[in-house]
């Protein structure tokens, strides 16, 4: 039986589009052997590896949509907001705080600020690496694990396909941060929009250099949604699902793909 691997990028609220793809994969009876993710992709991957369905994850994350709420503000700290909401979500949704307790293999990307290195977690305690992977610098406070000062995994590796290359037969990549070629002048007057665009531009090349390693590379157009548009979760989820449906036949072919065939990535726009 073929081993499927999913790569889920970071992207804040745009990550709800990952769930649309997962919904279609569920409908087709495709289950992952392993999942690799960065930031929100890592969180979704962990919840999915713990046995939650795409619809259940959507509801759980909608219920905990106060990541930028006043209760999470930190004064005179190394980030404006804490990750208390995410930590509560993980404790509520995943029974054991350990990678070994998951139903599928999981690889979590985080960035070590001190060494300037990408760190991939796949064993031991689960929750701290997940929180670190989703901790966008300045916005959220960093996480210290051992001697590592960890922040958002998307900075150094927003598409952590590497752990899956030698253990999976079919790799499906989902990227939710396609950079808009032209943006309105009014957008440039908003500091958060500028910060978000700079972040996406900085990491884009490292993502696209890995497309040829995927059997299917999914990249829905989500220009109209900002990274913090959590209240638009249902709309983003639906766009992800509709986008994935466009290549349902390709997915069906991948189920029957011979292991000796050469990978020809199919890019979804």
Protein backbone atom coordinates (compact mmCIF):
# COMPACT_ATOMS: atom_id res chain seq x y z
CA UNK A 1 0.00 0.00 0.00
CA UNK A 2 1.35 3.40 -0.97
CA UNK A 3 2.50 5.74 1.76
CA UNK A 4 1.12 9.26 1.37
CA UNK A 5 2.86 12.27 2.87
CA UNK A 6 1.29 15.70 3.37
CA UNK A 7 3.29 18.94 3.58
CA UNK A 8 1.33 21.83 5.09
CA UNK A 9 2.78 25.33 4.96
CA UNK A 10 2.33 28.11 7.48
CA UNK A 11 0.08 31.05 6.71
CA UNK A 12 -2.01 32.06 9.71
CA UNK A 13 -5.75 32.03 9.04
CA UNK A 14 -5.09 31.06 5.43
CA UNK A 15 -4.19 27.66 6.83
CA UNK A 16 -7.89 26.85 7.01
CA UNK A 17 -7.54 26.14 3.28
CA UNK A 18 -5.43 23.09 4.23
CA UNK A 19 -8.55 21.67 5.84
CA UNK A 20 -10.45 21.96 2.56
CA UNK A 21 -7.84 19.76 0.90
CA UNK A 22 -7.91 17.31 3.81
CA UNK A 23 -11.68 17.07 3.49
CA UNK A 24 -11.36 15.93 -0.13
CA UNK A 25 -8.61 13.46 0.76
CA UNK A 26 -10.93 12.00 3.41
CA UNK A 27 -13.72 11.65 0.87
CA UNK A 28 -11.38 9.79 -1.46
CA UNK A 29 -10.30 7.45 1.32
CA UNK A 30 -6.70 8.68 1.31
CA UNK A 31 -4.94 8.56 4.67
CA UNK A 32 -1.46 9.92 5.40
CA UNK A 33 1.50 7.88 6.47
CA UNK A 34 3.23 11.06 7.64
CA UNK A 35 2.59 14.81 7.87
CA UNK A 36 5.11 17.65 7.94
CA UNK A 37 4.09 21.19 8.76
CA UNK A 38 5.19 24.67 9.71
CA UNK A 39 3.29 27.09 11.93
CA UNK A 40 -0.48 26.67 11.45
CA UNK A 41 0.29 23.77 9.10
CA UNK A 42 2.04 22.01 11.98
CA UNK A 43 -0.89 22.62 14.33
CA UNK A 44 -3.41 21.32 11.80
CA UNK A 45 -1.12 18.38 11.07
CA UNK A 46 -0.91 17.51 14.76
CA UNK A 47 -4.67 17.64 15.25
CA UNK A 48 -5.17 15.51 12.16
CA UNK A 49 -2.49 13.04 13.27
CA UNK A 50 -4.31 12.82 16.60
CA UNK A 51 -7.40 11.50 14.82
CA UNK A 52 -9.46 14.66 14.30
CA UNK A 53 -11.29 15.10 11.00
CA UNK A 54 -11.00 18.24 8.87
CA UNK A 55 -14.45 19.40 10.00
CA UNK A 56 -13.63 18.79 13.65
CA UNK A 57 -10.39 20.76 13.36
CA UNK A 58 -12.21 23.63 11.66
CA UNK A 59 -14.69 23.84 14.52
CA UNK A 60 -12.03 23.52 17.21
CA UNK A 61 -9.95 26.33 15.75
CA UNK A 62 -12.99 28.55 15.22
CA UNK A 63 -13.95 28.06 18.86
CA UNK A 64 -10.48 29.22 19.87
CA UNK A 65 -10.33 32.27 17.58
CA UNK A 66 -9.05 34.66 20.25
CA UNK A 67 -5.32 34.34 19.50
CA UNK A 68 -5.20 38.13 19.06
CA UNK A 69 -7.58 38.82 21.94
CA UNK A 70 -6.99 41.22 24.82
CA UNK A 71 -6.61 38.34 27.29
CA UNK A 72 -3.46 37.26 25.48
CA UNK A 73 -1.67 40.61 25.45
CA UNK A 74 1.77 40.65 27.07
CA UNK A 75 3.14 43.91 28.39
CA UNK A 76 6.91 44.53 28.37
CA UNK A 77 7.61 41.06 26.98
CA UNK A 78 9.26 39.70 23.85
CA UNK A 79 5.94 39.44 22.00
CA UNK A 80 2.65 41.33 21.92
CA UNK A 81 0.54 38.21 22.48
CA UNK A 82 0.93 34.92 24.31
CA UNK A 83 0.05 31.47 23.01
CA UNK A 84 -2.26 30.57 25.90
CA UNK A 85 -5.21 30.01 23.55
CA UNK A 86 -3.26 27.59 21.39
CA UNK A 87 -1.94 25.74 24.42
CA UNK A 88 -5.48 25.32 25.75
CA UNK A 89 -6.64 24.08 22.35
CA UNK A 90 -3.91 21.45 22.26
CA UNK A 91 -4.61 20.21 25.79
CA UNK A 92 -8.32 20.03 25.00
CA UNK A 93 -7.93 18.25 21.67
CA UNK A 94 -4.92 15.92 22.03
CA UNK A 95 -4.94 13.44 24.89
CA UNK A 96 -1.20 12.90 25.28
CA UNK A 97 1.55 15.49 24.98
CA UNK A 98 3.84 13.23 22.97
CA UNK A 99 4.61 12.54 19.31
CA UNK A 100 4.44 8.79 19.93
CA UNK A 101 0.76 9.03 20.87
CA UNK A 102 -0.26 10.26 17.40
CA UNK A 103 -1.86 8.00 14.79
CA UNK A 104 0.44 9.24 12.00
CA UNK A 105 4.07 10.33 11.91
CA UNK A 106 4.43 14.07 12.39
CA UNK A 107 7.32 16.43 11.66
CA UNK A 108 7.18 19.98 13.04
CA UNK A 109 9.31 22.82 11.68
CA UNK A 110 10.61 25.52 14.04
CA UNK A 111 13.35 28.16 13.83
CA UNK A 112 16.23 28.40 16.30
CA UNK A 113 16.93 32.14 16.55
CA UNK A 114 20.30 31.74 18.26
CA UNK A 115 21.82 29.44 15.66
CA UNK A 116 19.81 30.60 12.66
CA UNK A 117 18.80 27.01 11.92
CA UNK A 118 15.67 25.10 11.03
CA UNK A 119 14.82 22.48 13.65
CA UNK A 120 12.54 19.54 12.85
CA UNK A 121 10.81 17.93 15.84
CA UNK A 122 9.40 14.41 15.52
CA UNK A 123 9.72 12.79 18.95
CA UNK A 124 9.31 13.55 22.63
CA UNK A 125 7.01 16.28 23.95
CA UNK A 126 4.57 17.57 21.34
CA UNK A 127 2.91 20.77 22.54
CA UNK A 128 5.96 23.01 23.04
CA UNK A 129 7.36 22.38 19.53
CA UNK A 130 3.91 23.11 18.06
CA UNK A 131 3.61 26.38 19.97
CA UNK A 132 7.15 27.32 18.94
CA UNK A 133 6.41 26.51 15.29
CA UNK A 134 3.45 28.92 15.31
CA UNK A 135 5.13 31.75 17.23
CA UNK A 136 5.57 34.53 14.69
CA UNK A 137 8.33 36.83 16.05
CA UNK A 138 7.24 40.10 17.68
CA UNK A 139 3.57 39.05 17.49
CA UNK A 140 4.00 36.04 19.82
CA UNK A 141 6.64 35.37 22.45
CA UNK A 142 9.34 32.78 21.62
CA UNK A 143 9.49 29.33 23.19
CA UNK A 144 12.59 28.02 24.95
CA UNK A 145 13.26 24.28 24.66
CA UNK A 146 16.57 23.21 26.17
CA UNK A 147 19.16 25.67 24.88
CA UNK A 148 17.07 26.59 21.83
CA UNK A 149 15.25 29.92 21.48
CA UNK A 150 12.47 28.95 19.08
CA UNK A 151 10.05 30.88 16.88
CA UNK A 152 7.90 30.35 13.77
CA UNK A 153 9.05 27.43 11.64
CA UNK A 154 8.03 29.24 8.48
CA UNK A 155 10.96 31.64 8.72
CA UNK A 156 13.59 29.04 7.86
CA UNK A 157 11.44 26.29 6.37
CA UNK A 158 7.81 27.05 5.55
CA UNK A 159 7.47 23.92 3.42
CA UNK A 160 9.27 21.13 5.34
CA UNK A 161 9.15 18.40 2.74
CA UNK A 162 12.59 16.98 3.59
CA UNK A 163 11.54 14.47 6.30
CA UNK A 164 9.01 12.89 3.93
CA UNK A 165 11.22 12.37 0.88
CA UNK A 166 12.65 9.00 1.84
CA UNK A 167 9.69 7.56 3.72
CA UNK A 168 6.69 8.38 1.49
CA UNK A 169 5.75 7.13 -1.98
CA UNK A 170 3.40 10.02 -2.79
CA UNK A 171 3.85 13.57 -1.50
CA UNK A 172 1.03 16.11 -1.56
CA UNK A 173 2.04 19.70 -0.83
CA UNK A 174 -0.34 22.45 0.28
CA UNK A 175 0.92 26.04 0.18
CA UNK A 176 -1.43 28.85 1.24
CA UNK A 177 0.84 31.89 0.81
CA UNK A 178 1.00 32.52 -2.91
CA UNK A 179 2.35 36.06 -3.23
CA UNK A 180 0.09 38.50 -5.08
CA UNK A 181 2.01 40.10 -7.94
CA UNK A 182 0.36 43.48 -7.62
CA UNK A 183 -1.20 44.99 -4.54
CA UNK A 184 -3.16 48.19 -4.08
CA UNK A 185 -1.43 51.36 -2.92
CA UNK A 186 -3.82 51.60 0.01
CA UNK A 187 -2.58 48.25 1.33
CA UNK A 188 0.92 49.66 1.60
CA UNK A 189 -0.28 52.27 4.09
CA UNK A 190 -1.10 49.58 6.63
CA UNK A 191 1.94 48.42 8.60
CA UNK A 192 0.60 44.90 9.21
CA UNK A 193 0.04 44.44 5.46
CA UNK A 194 3.63 45.50 4.80
CA UNK A 195 4.96 43.14 7.47
CA UNK A 196 2.90 40.26 6.11
CA UNK A 197 3.99 40.85 2.51
CA UNK A 198 7.68 41.13 3.47
CA UNK A 199 7.42 37.84 5.34
CA UNK A 200 5.87 36.07 2.36
CA UNK A 201 8.38 37.51 -0.10
CA UNK A 202 11.29 36.45 2.09
CA UNK A 203 10.27 32.79 2.21
CA UNK A 204 8.68 32.34 -1.23
CA UNK A 205 11.78 31.12 -3.12
CA UNK A 206 12.54 28.39 -0.62
CA UNK A 207 9.04 27.02 -1.10
CA UNK A 208 8.98 27.08 -4.90
CA UNK A 209 12.36 25.37 -5.14
CA UNK A 210 10.70 22.24 -3.75
CA UNK A 211 7.70 22.00 -6.07
CA UNK A 212 9.29 19.31 -8.25
CA UNK A 213 9.56 17.05 -5.21
CA UNK A 214 5.76 16.92 -4.88
CA UNK A 215 3.44 14.63 -6.79
CA UNK A 216 0.72 17.23 -6.26
CA UNK A 217 1.33 20.86 -5.26
CA UNK A 218 -1.79 22.76 -4.21
CA UNK A 219 -1.73 26.56 -4.01
CA UNK A 220 -5.16 28.22 -3.81
CA UNK A 221 -5.48 31.95 -4.45
CA UNK A 222 -6.13 33.55 -1.06
CA UNK A 223 -5.10 37.15 -1.74
CA UNK A 224 -8.25 38.58 -0.17
CA UNK A 225 -7.54 36.99 3.20
CA UNK A 226 -4.98 38.26 5.70
CA UNK A 227 -3.03 36.01 8.04
CA UNK A 228 -5.19 37.18 10.95
CA UNK A 229 -8.63 36.76 9.27
CA UNK A 230 -9.65 33.95 11.61
CA UNK A 231 -13.28 35.04 11.54
CA UNK A 232 -13.34 34.13 7.82
CA UNK A 233 -12.41 30.53 8.57
CA UNK A 234 -15.46 29.01 6.87
CA UNK A 235 -14.90 30.99 3.68
CA UNK A 236 -11.20 30.08 3.53
CA UNK A 237 -12.02 26.42 4.22
CA UNK A 238 -14.54 26.40 1.36
CA UNK A 239 -12.07 27.97 -1.06
CA UNK A 240 -9.52 25.32 -0.15
CA UNK A 241 -12.06 22.57 -0.78
CA UNK A 242 -13.28 23.97 -4.10
CA UNK A 243 -9.70 24.43 -5.23
CA UNK A 244 -8.81 20.83 -4.37
CA UNK A 245 -11.91 19.53 -6.17
CA UNK A 246 -10.49 20.85 -9.44
CA UNK A 247 -7.92 18.06 -9.32
CA UNK A 248 -9.95 15.23 -7.88
CA UNK A 249 -9.12 13.08 -10.91
CA UNK A 250 -5.40 13.70 -10.40
CA UNK A 251 -5.71 12.46 -6.84
CA UNK A 252 -7.51 9.35 -8.00
CA UNK A 253 -4.67 8.67 -10.43
CA UNK A 254 -2.13 9.07 -7.63
CA UNK A 255 -3.87 6.33 -5.66
CA UNK A 256 -3.10 3.91 -8.49
CA UNK A 257 0.28 5.39 -9.42
CA UNK A 258 3.10 2.91 -9.84
CA UNK A 259 6.02 3.47 -7.52
CA UNK A 260 8.48 3.45 -10.44
CA UNK A 261 6.83 6.35 -12.23
CA UNK A 262 8.64 9.67 -12.33
CA UNK A 263 7.12 12.47 -10.26
CA UNK A 264 5.44 15.13 -12.37
CA UNK A 265 4.10 17.84 -10.05
CA UNK A 266 0.63 19.16 -10.76
CA UNK A 267 0.20 22.74 -9.58
CA UNK A 268 -3.26 23.94 -8.60
CA UNK A 269 -4.04 27.64 -8.99
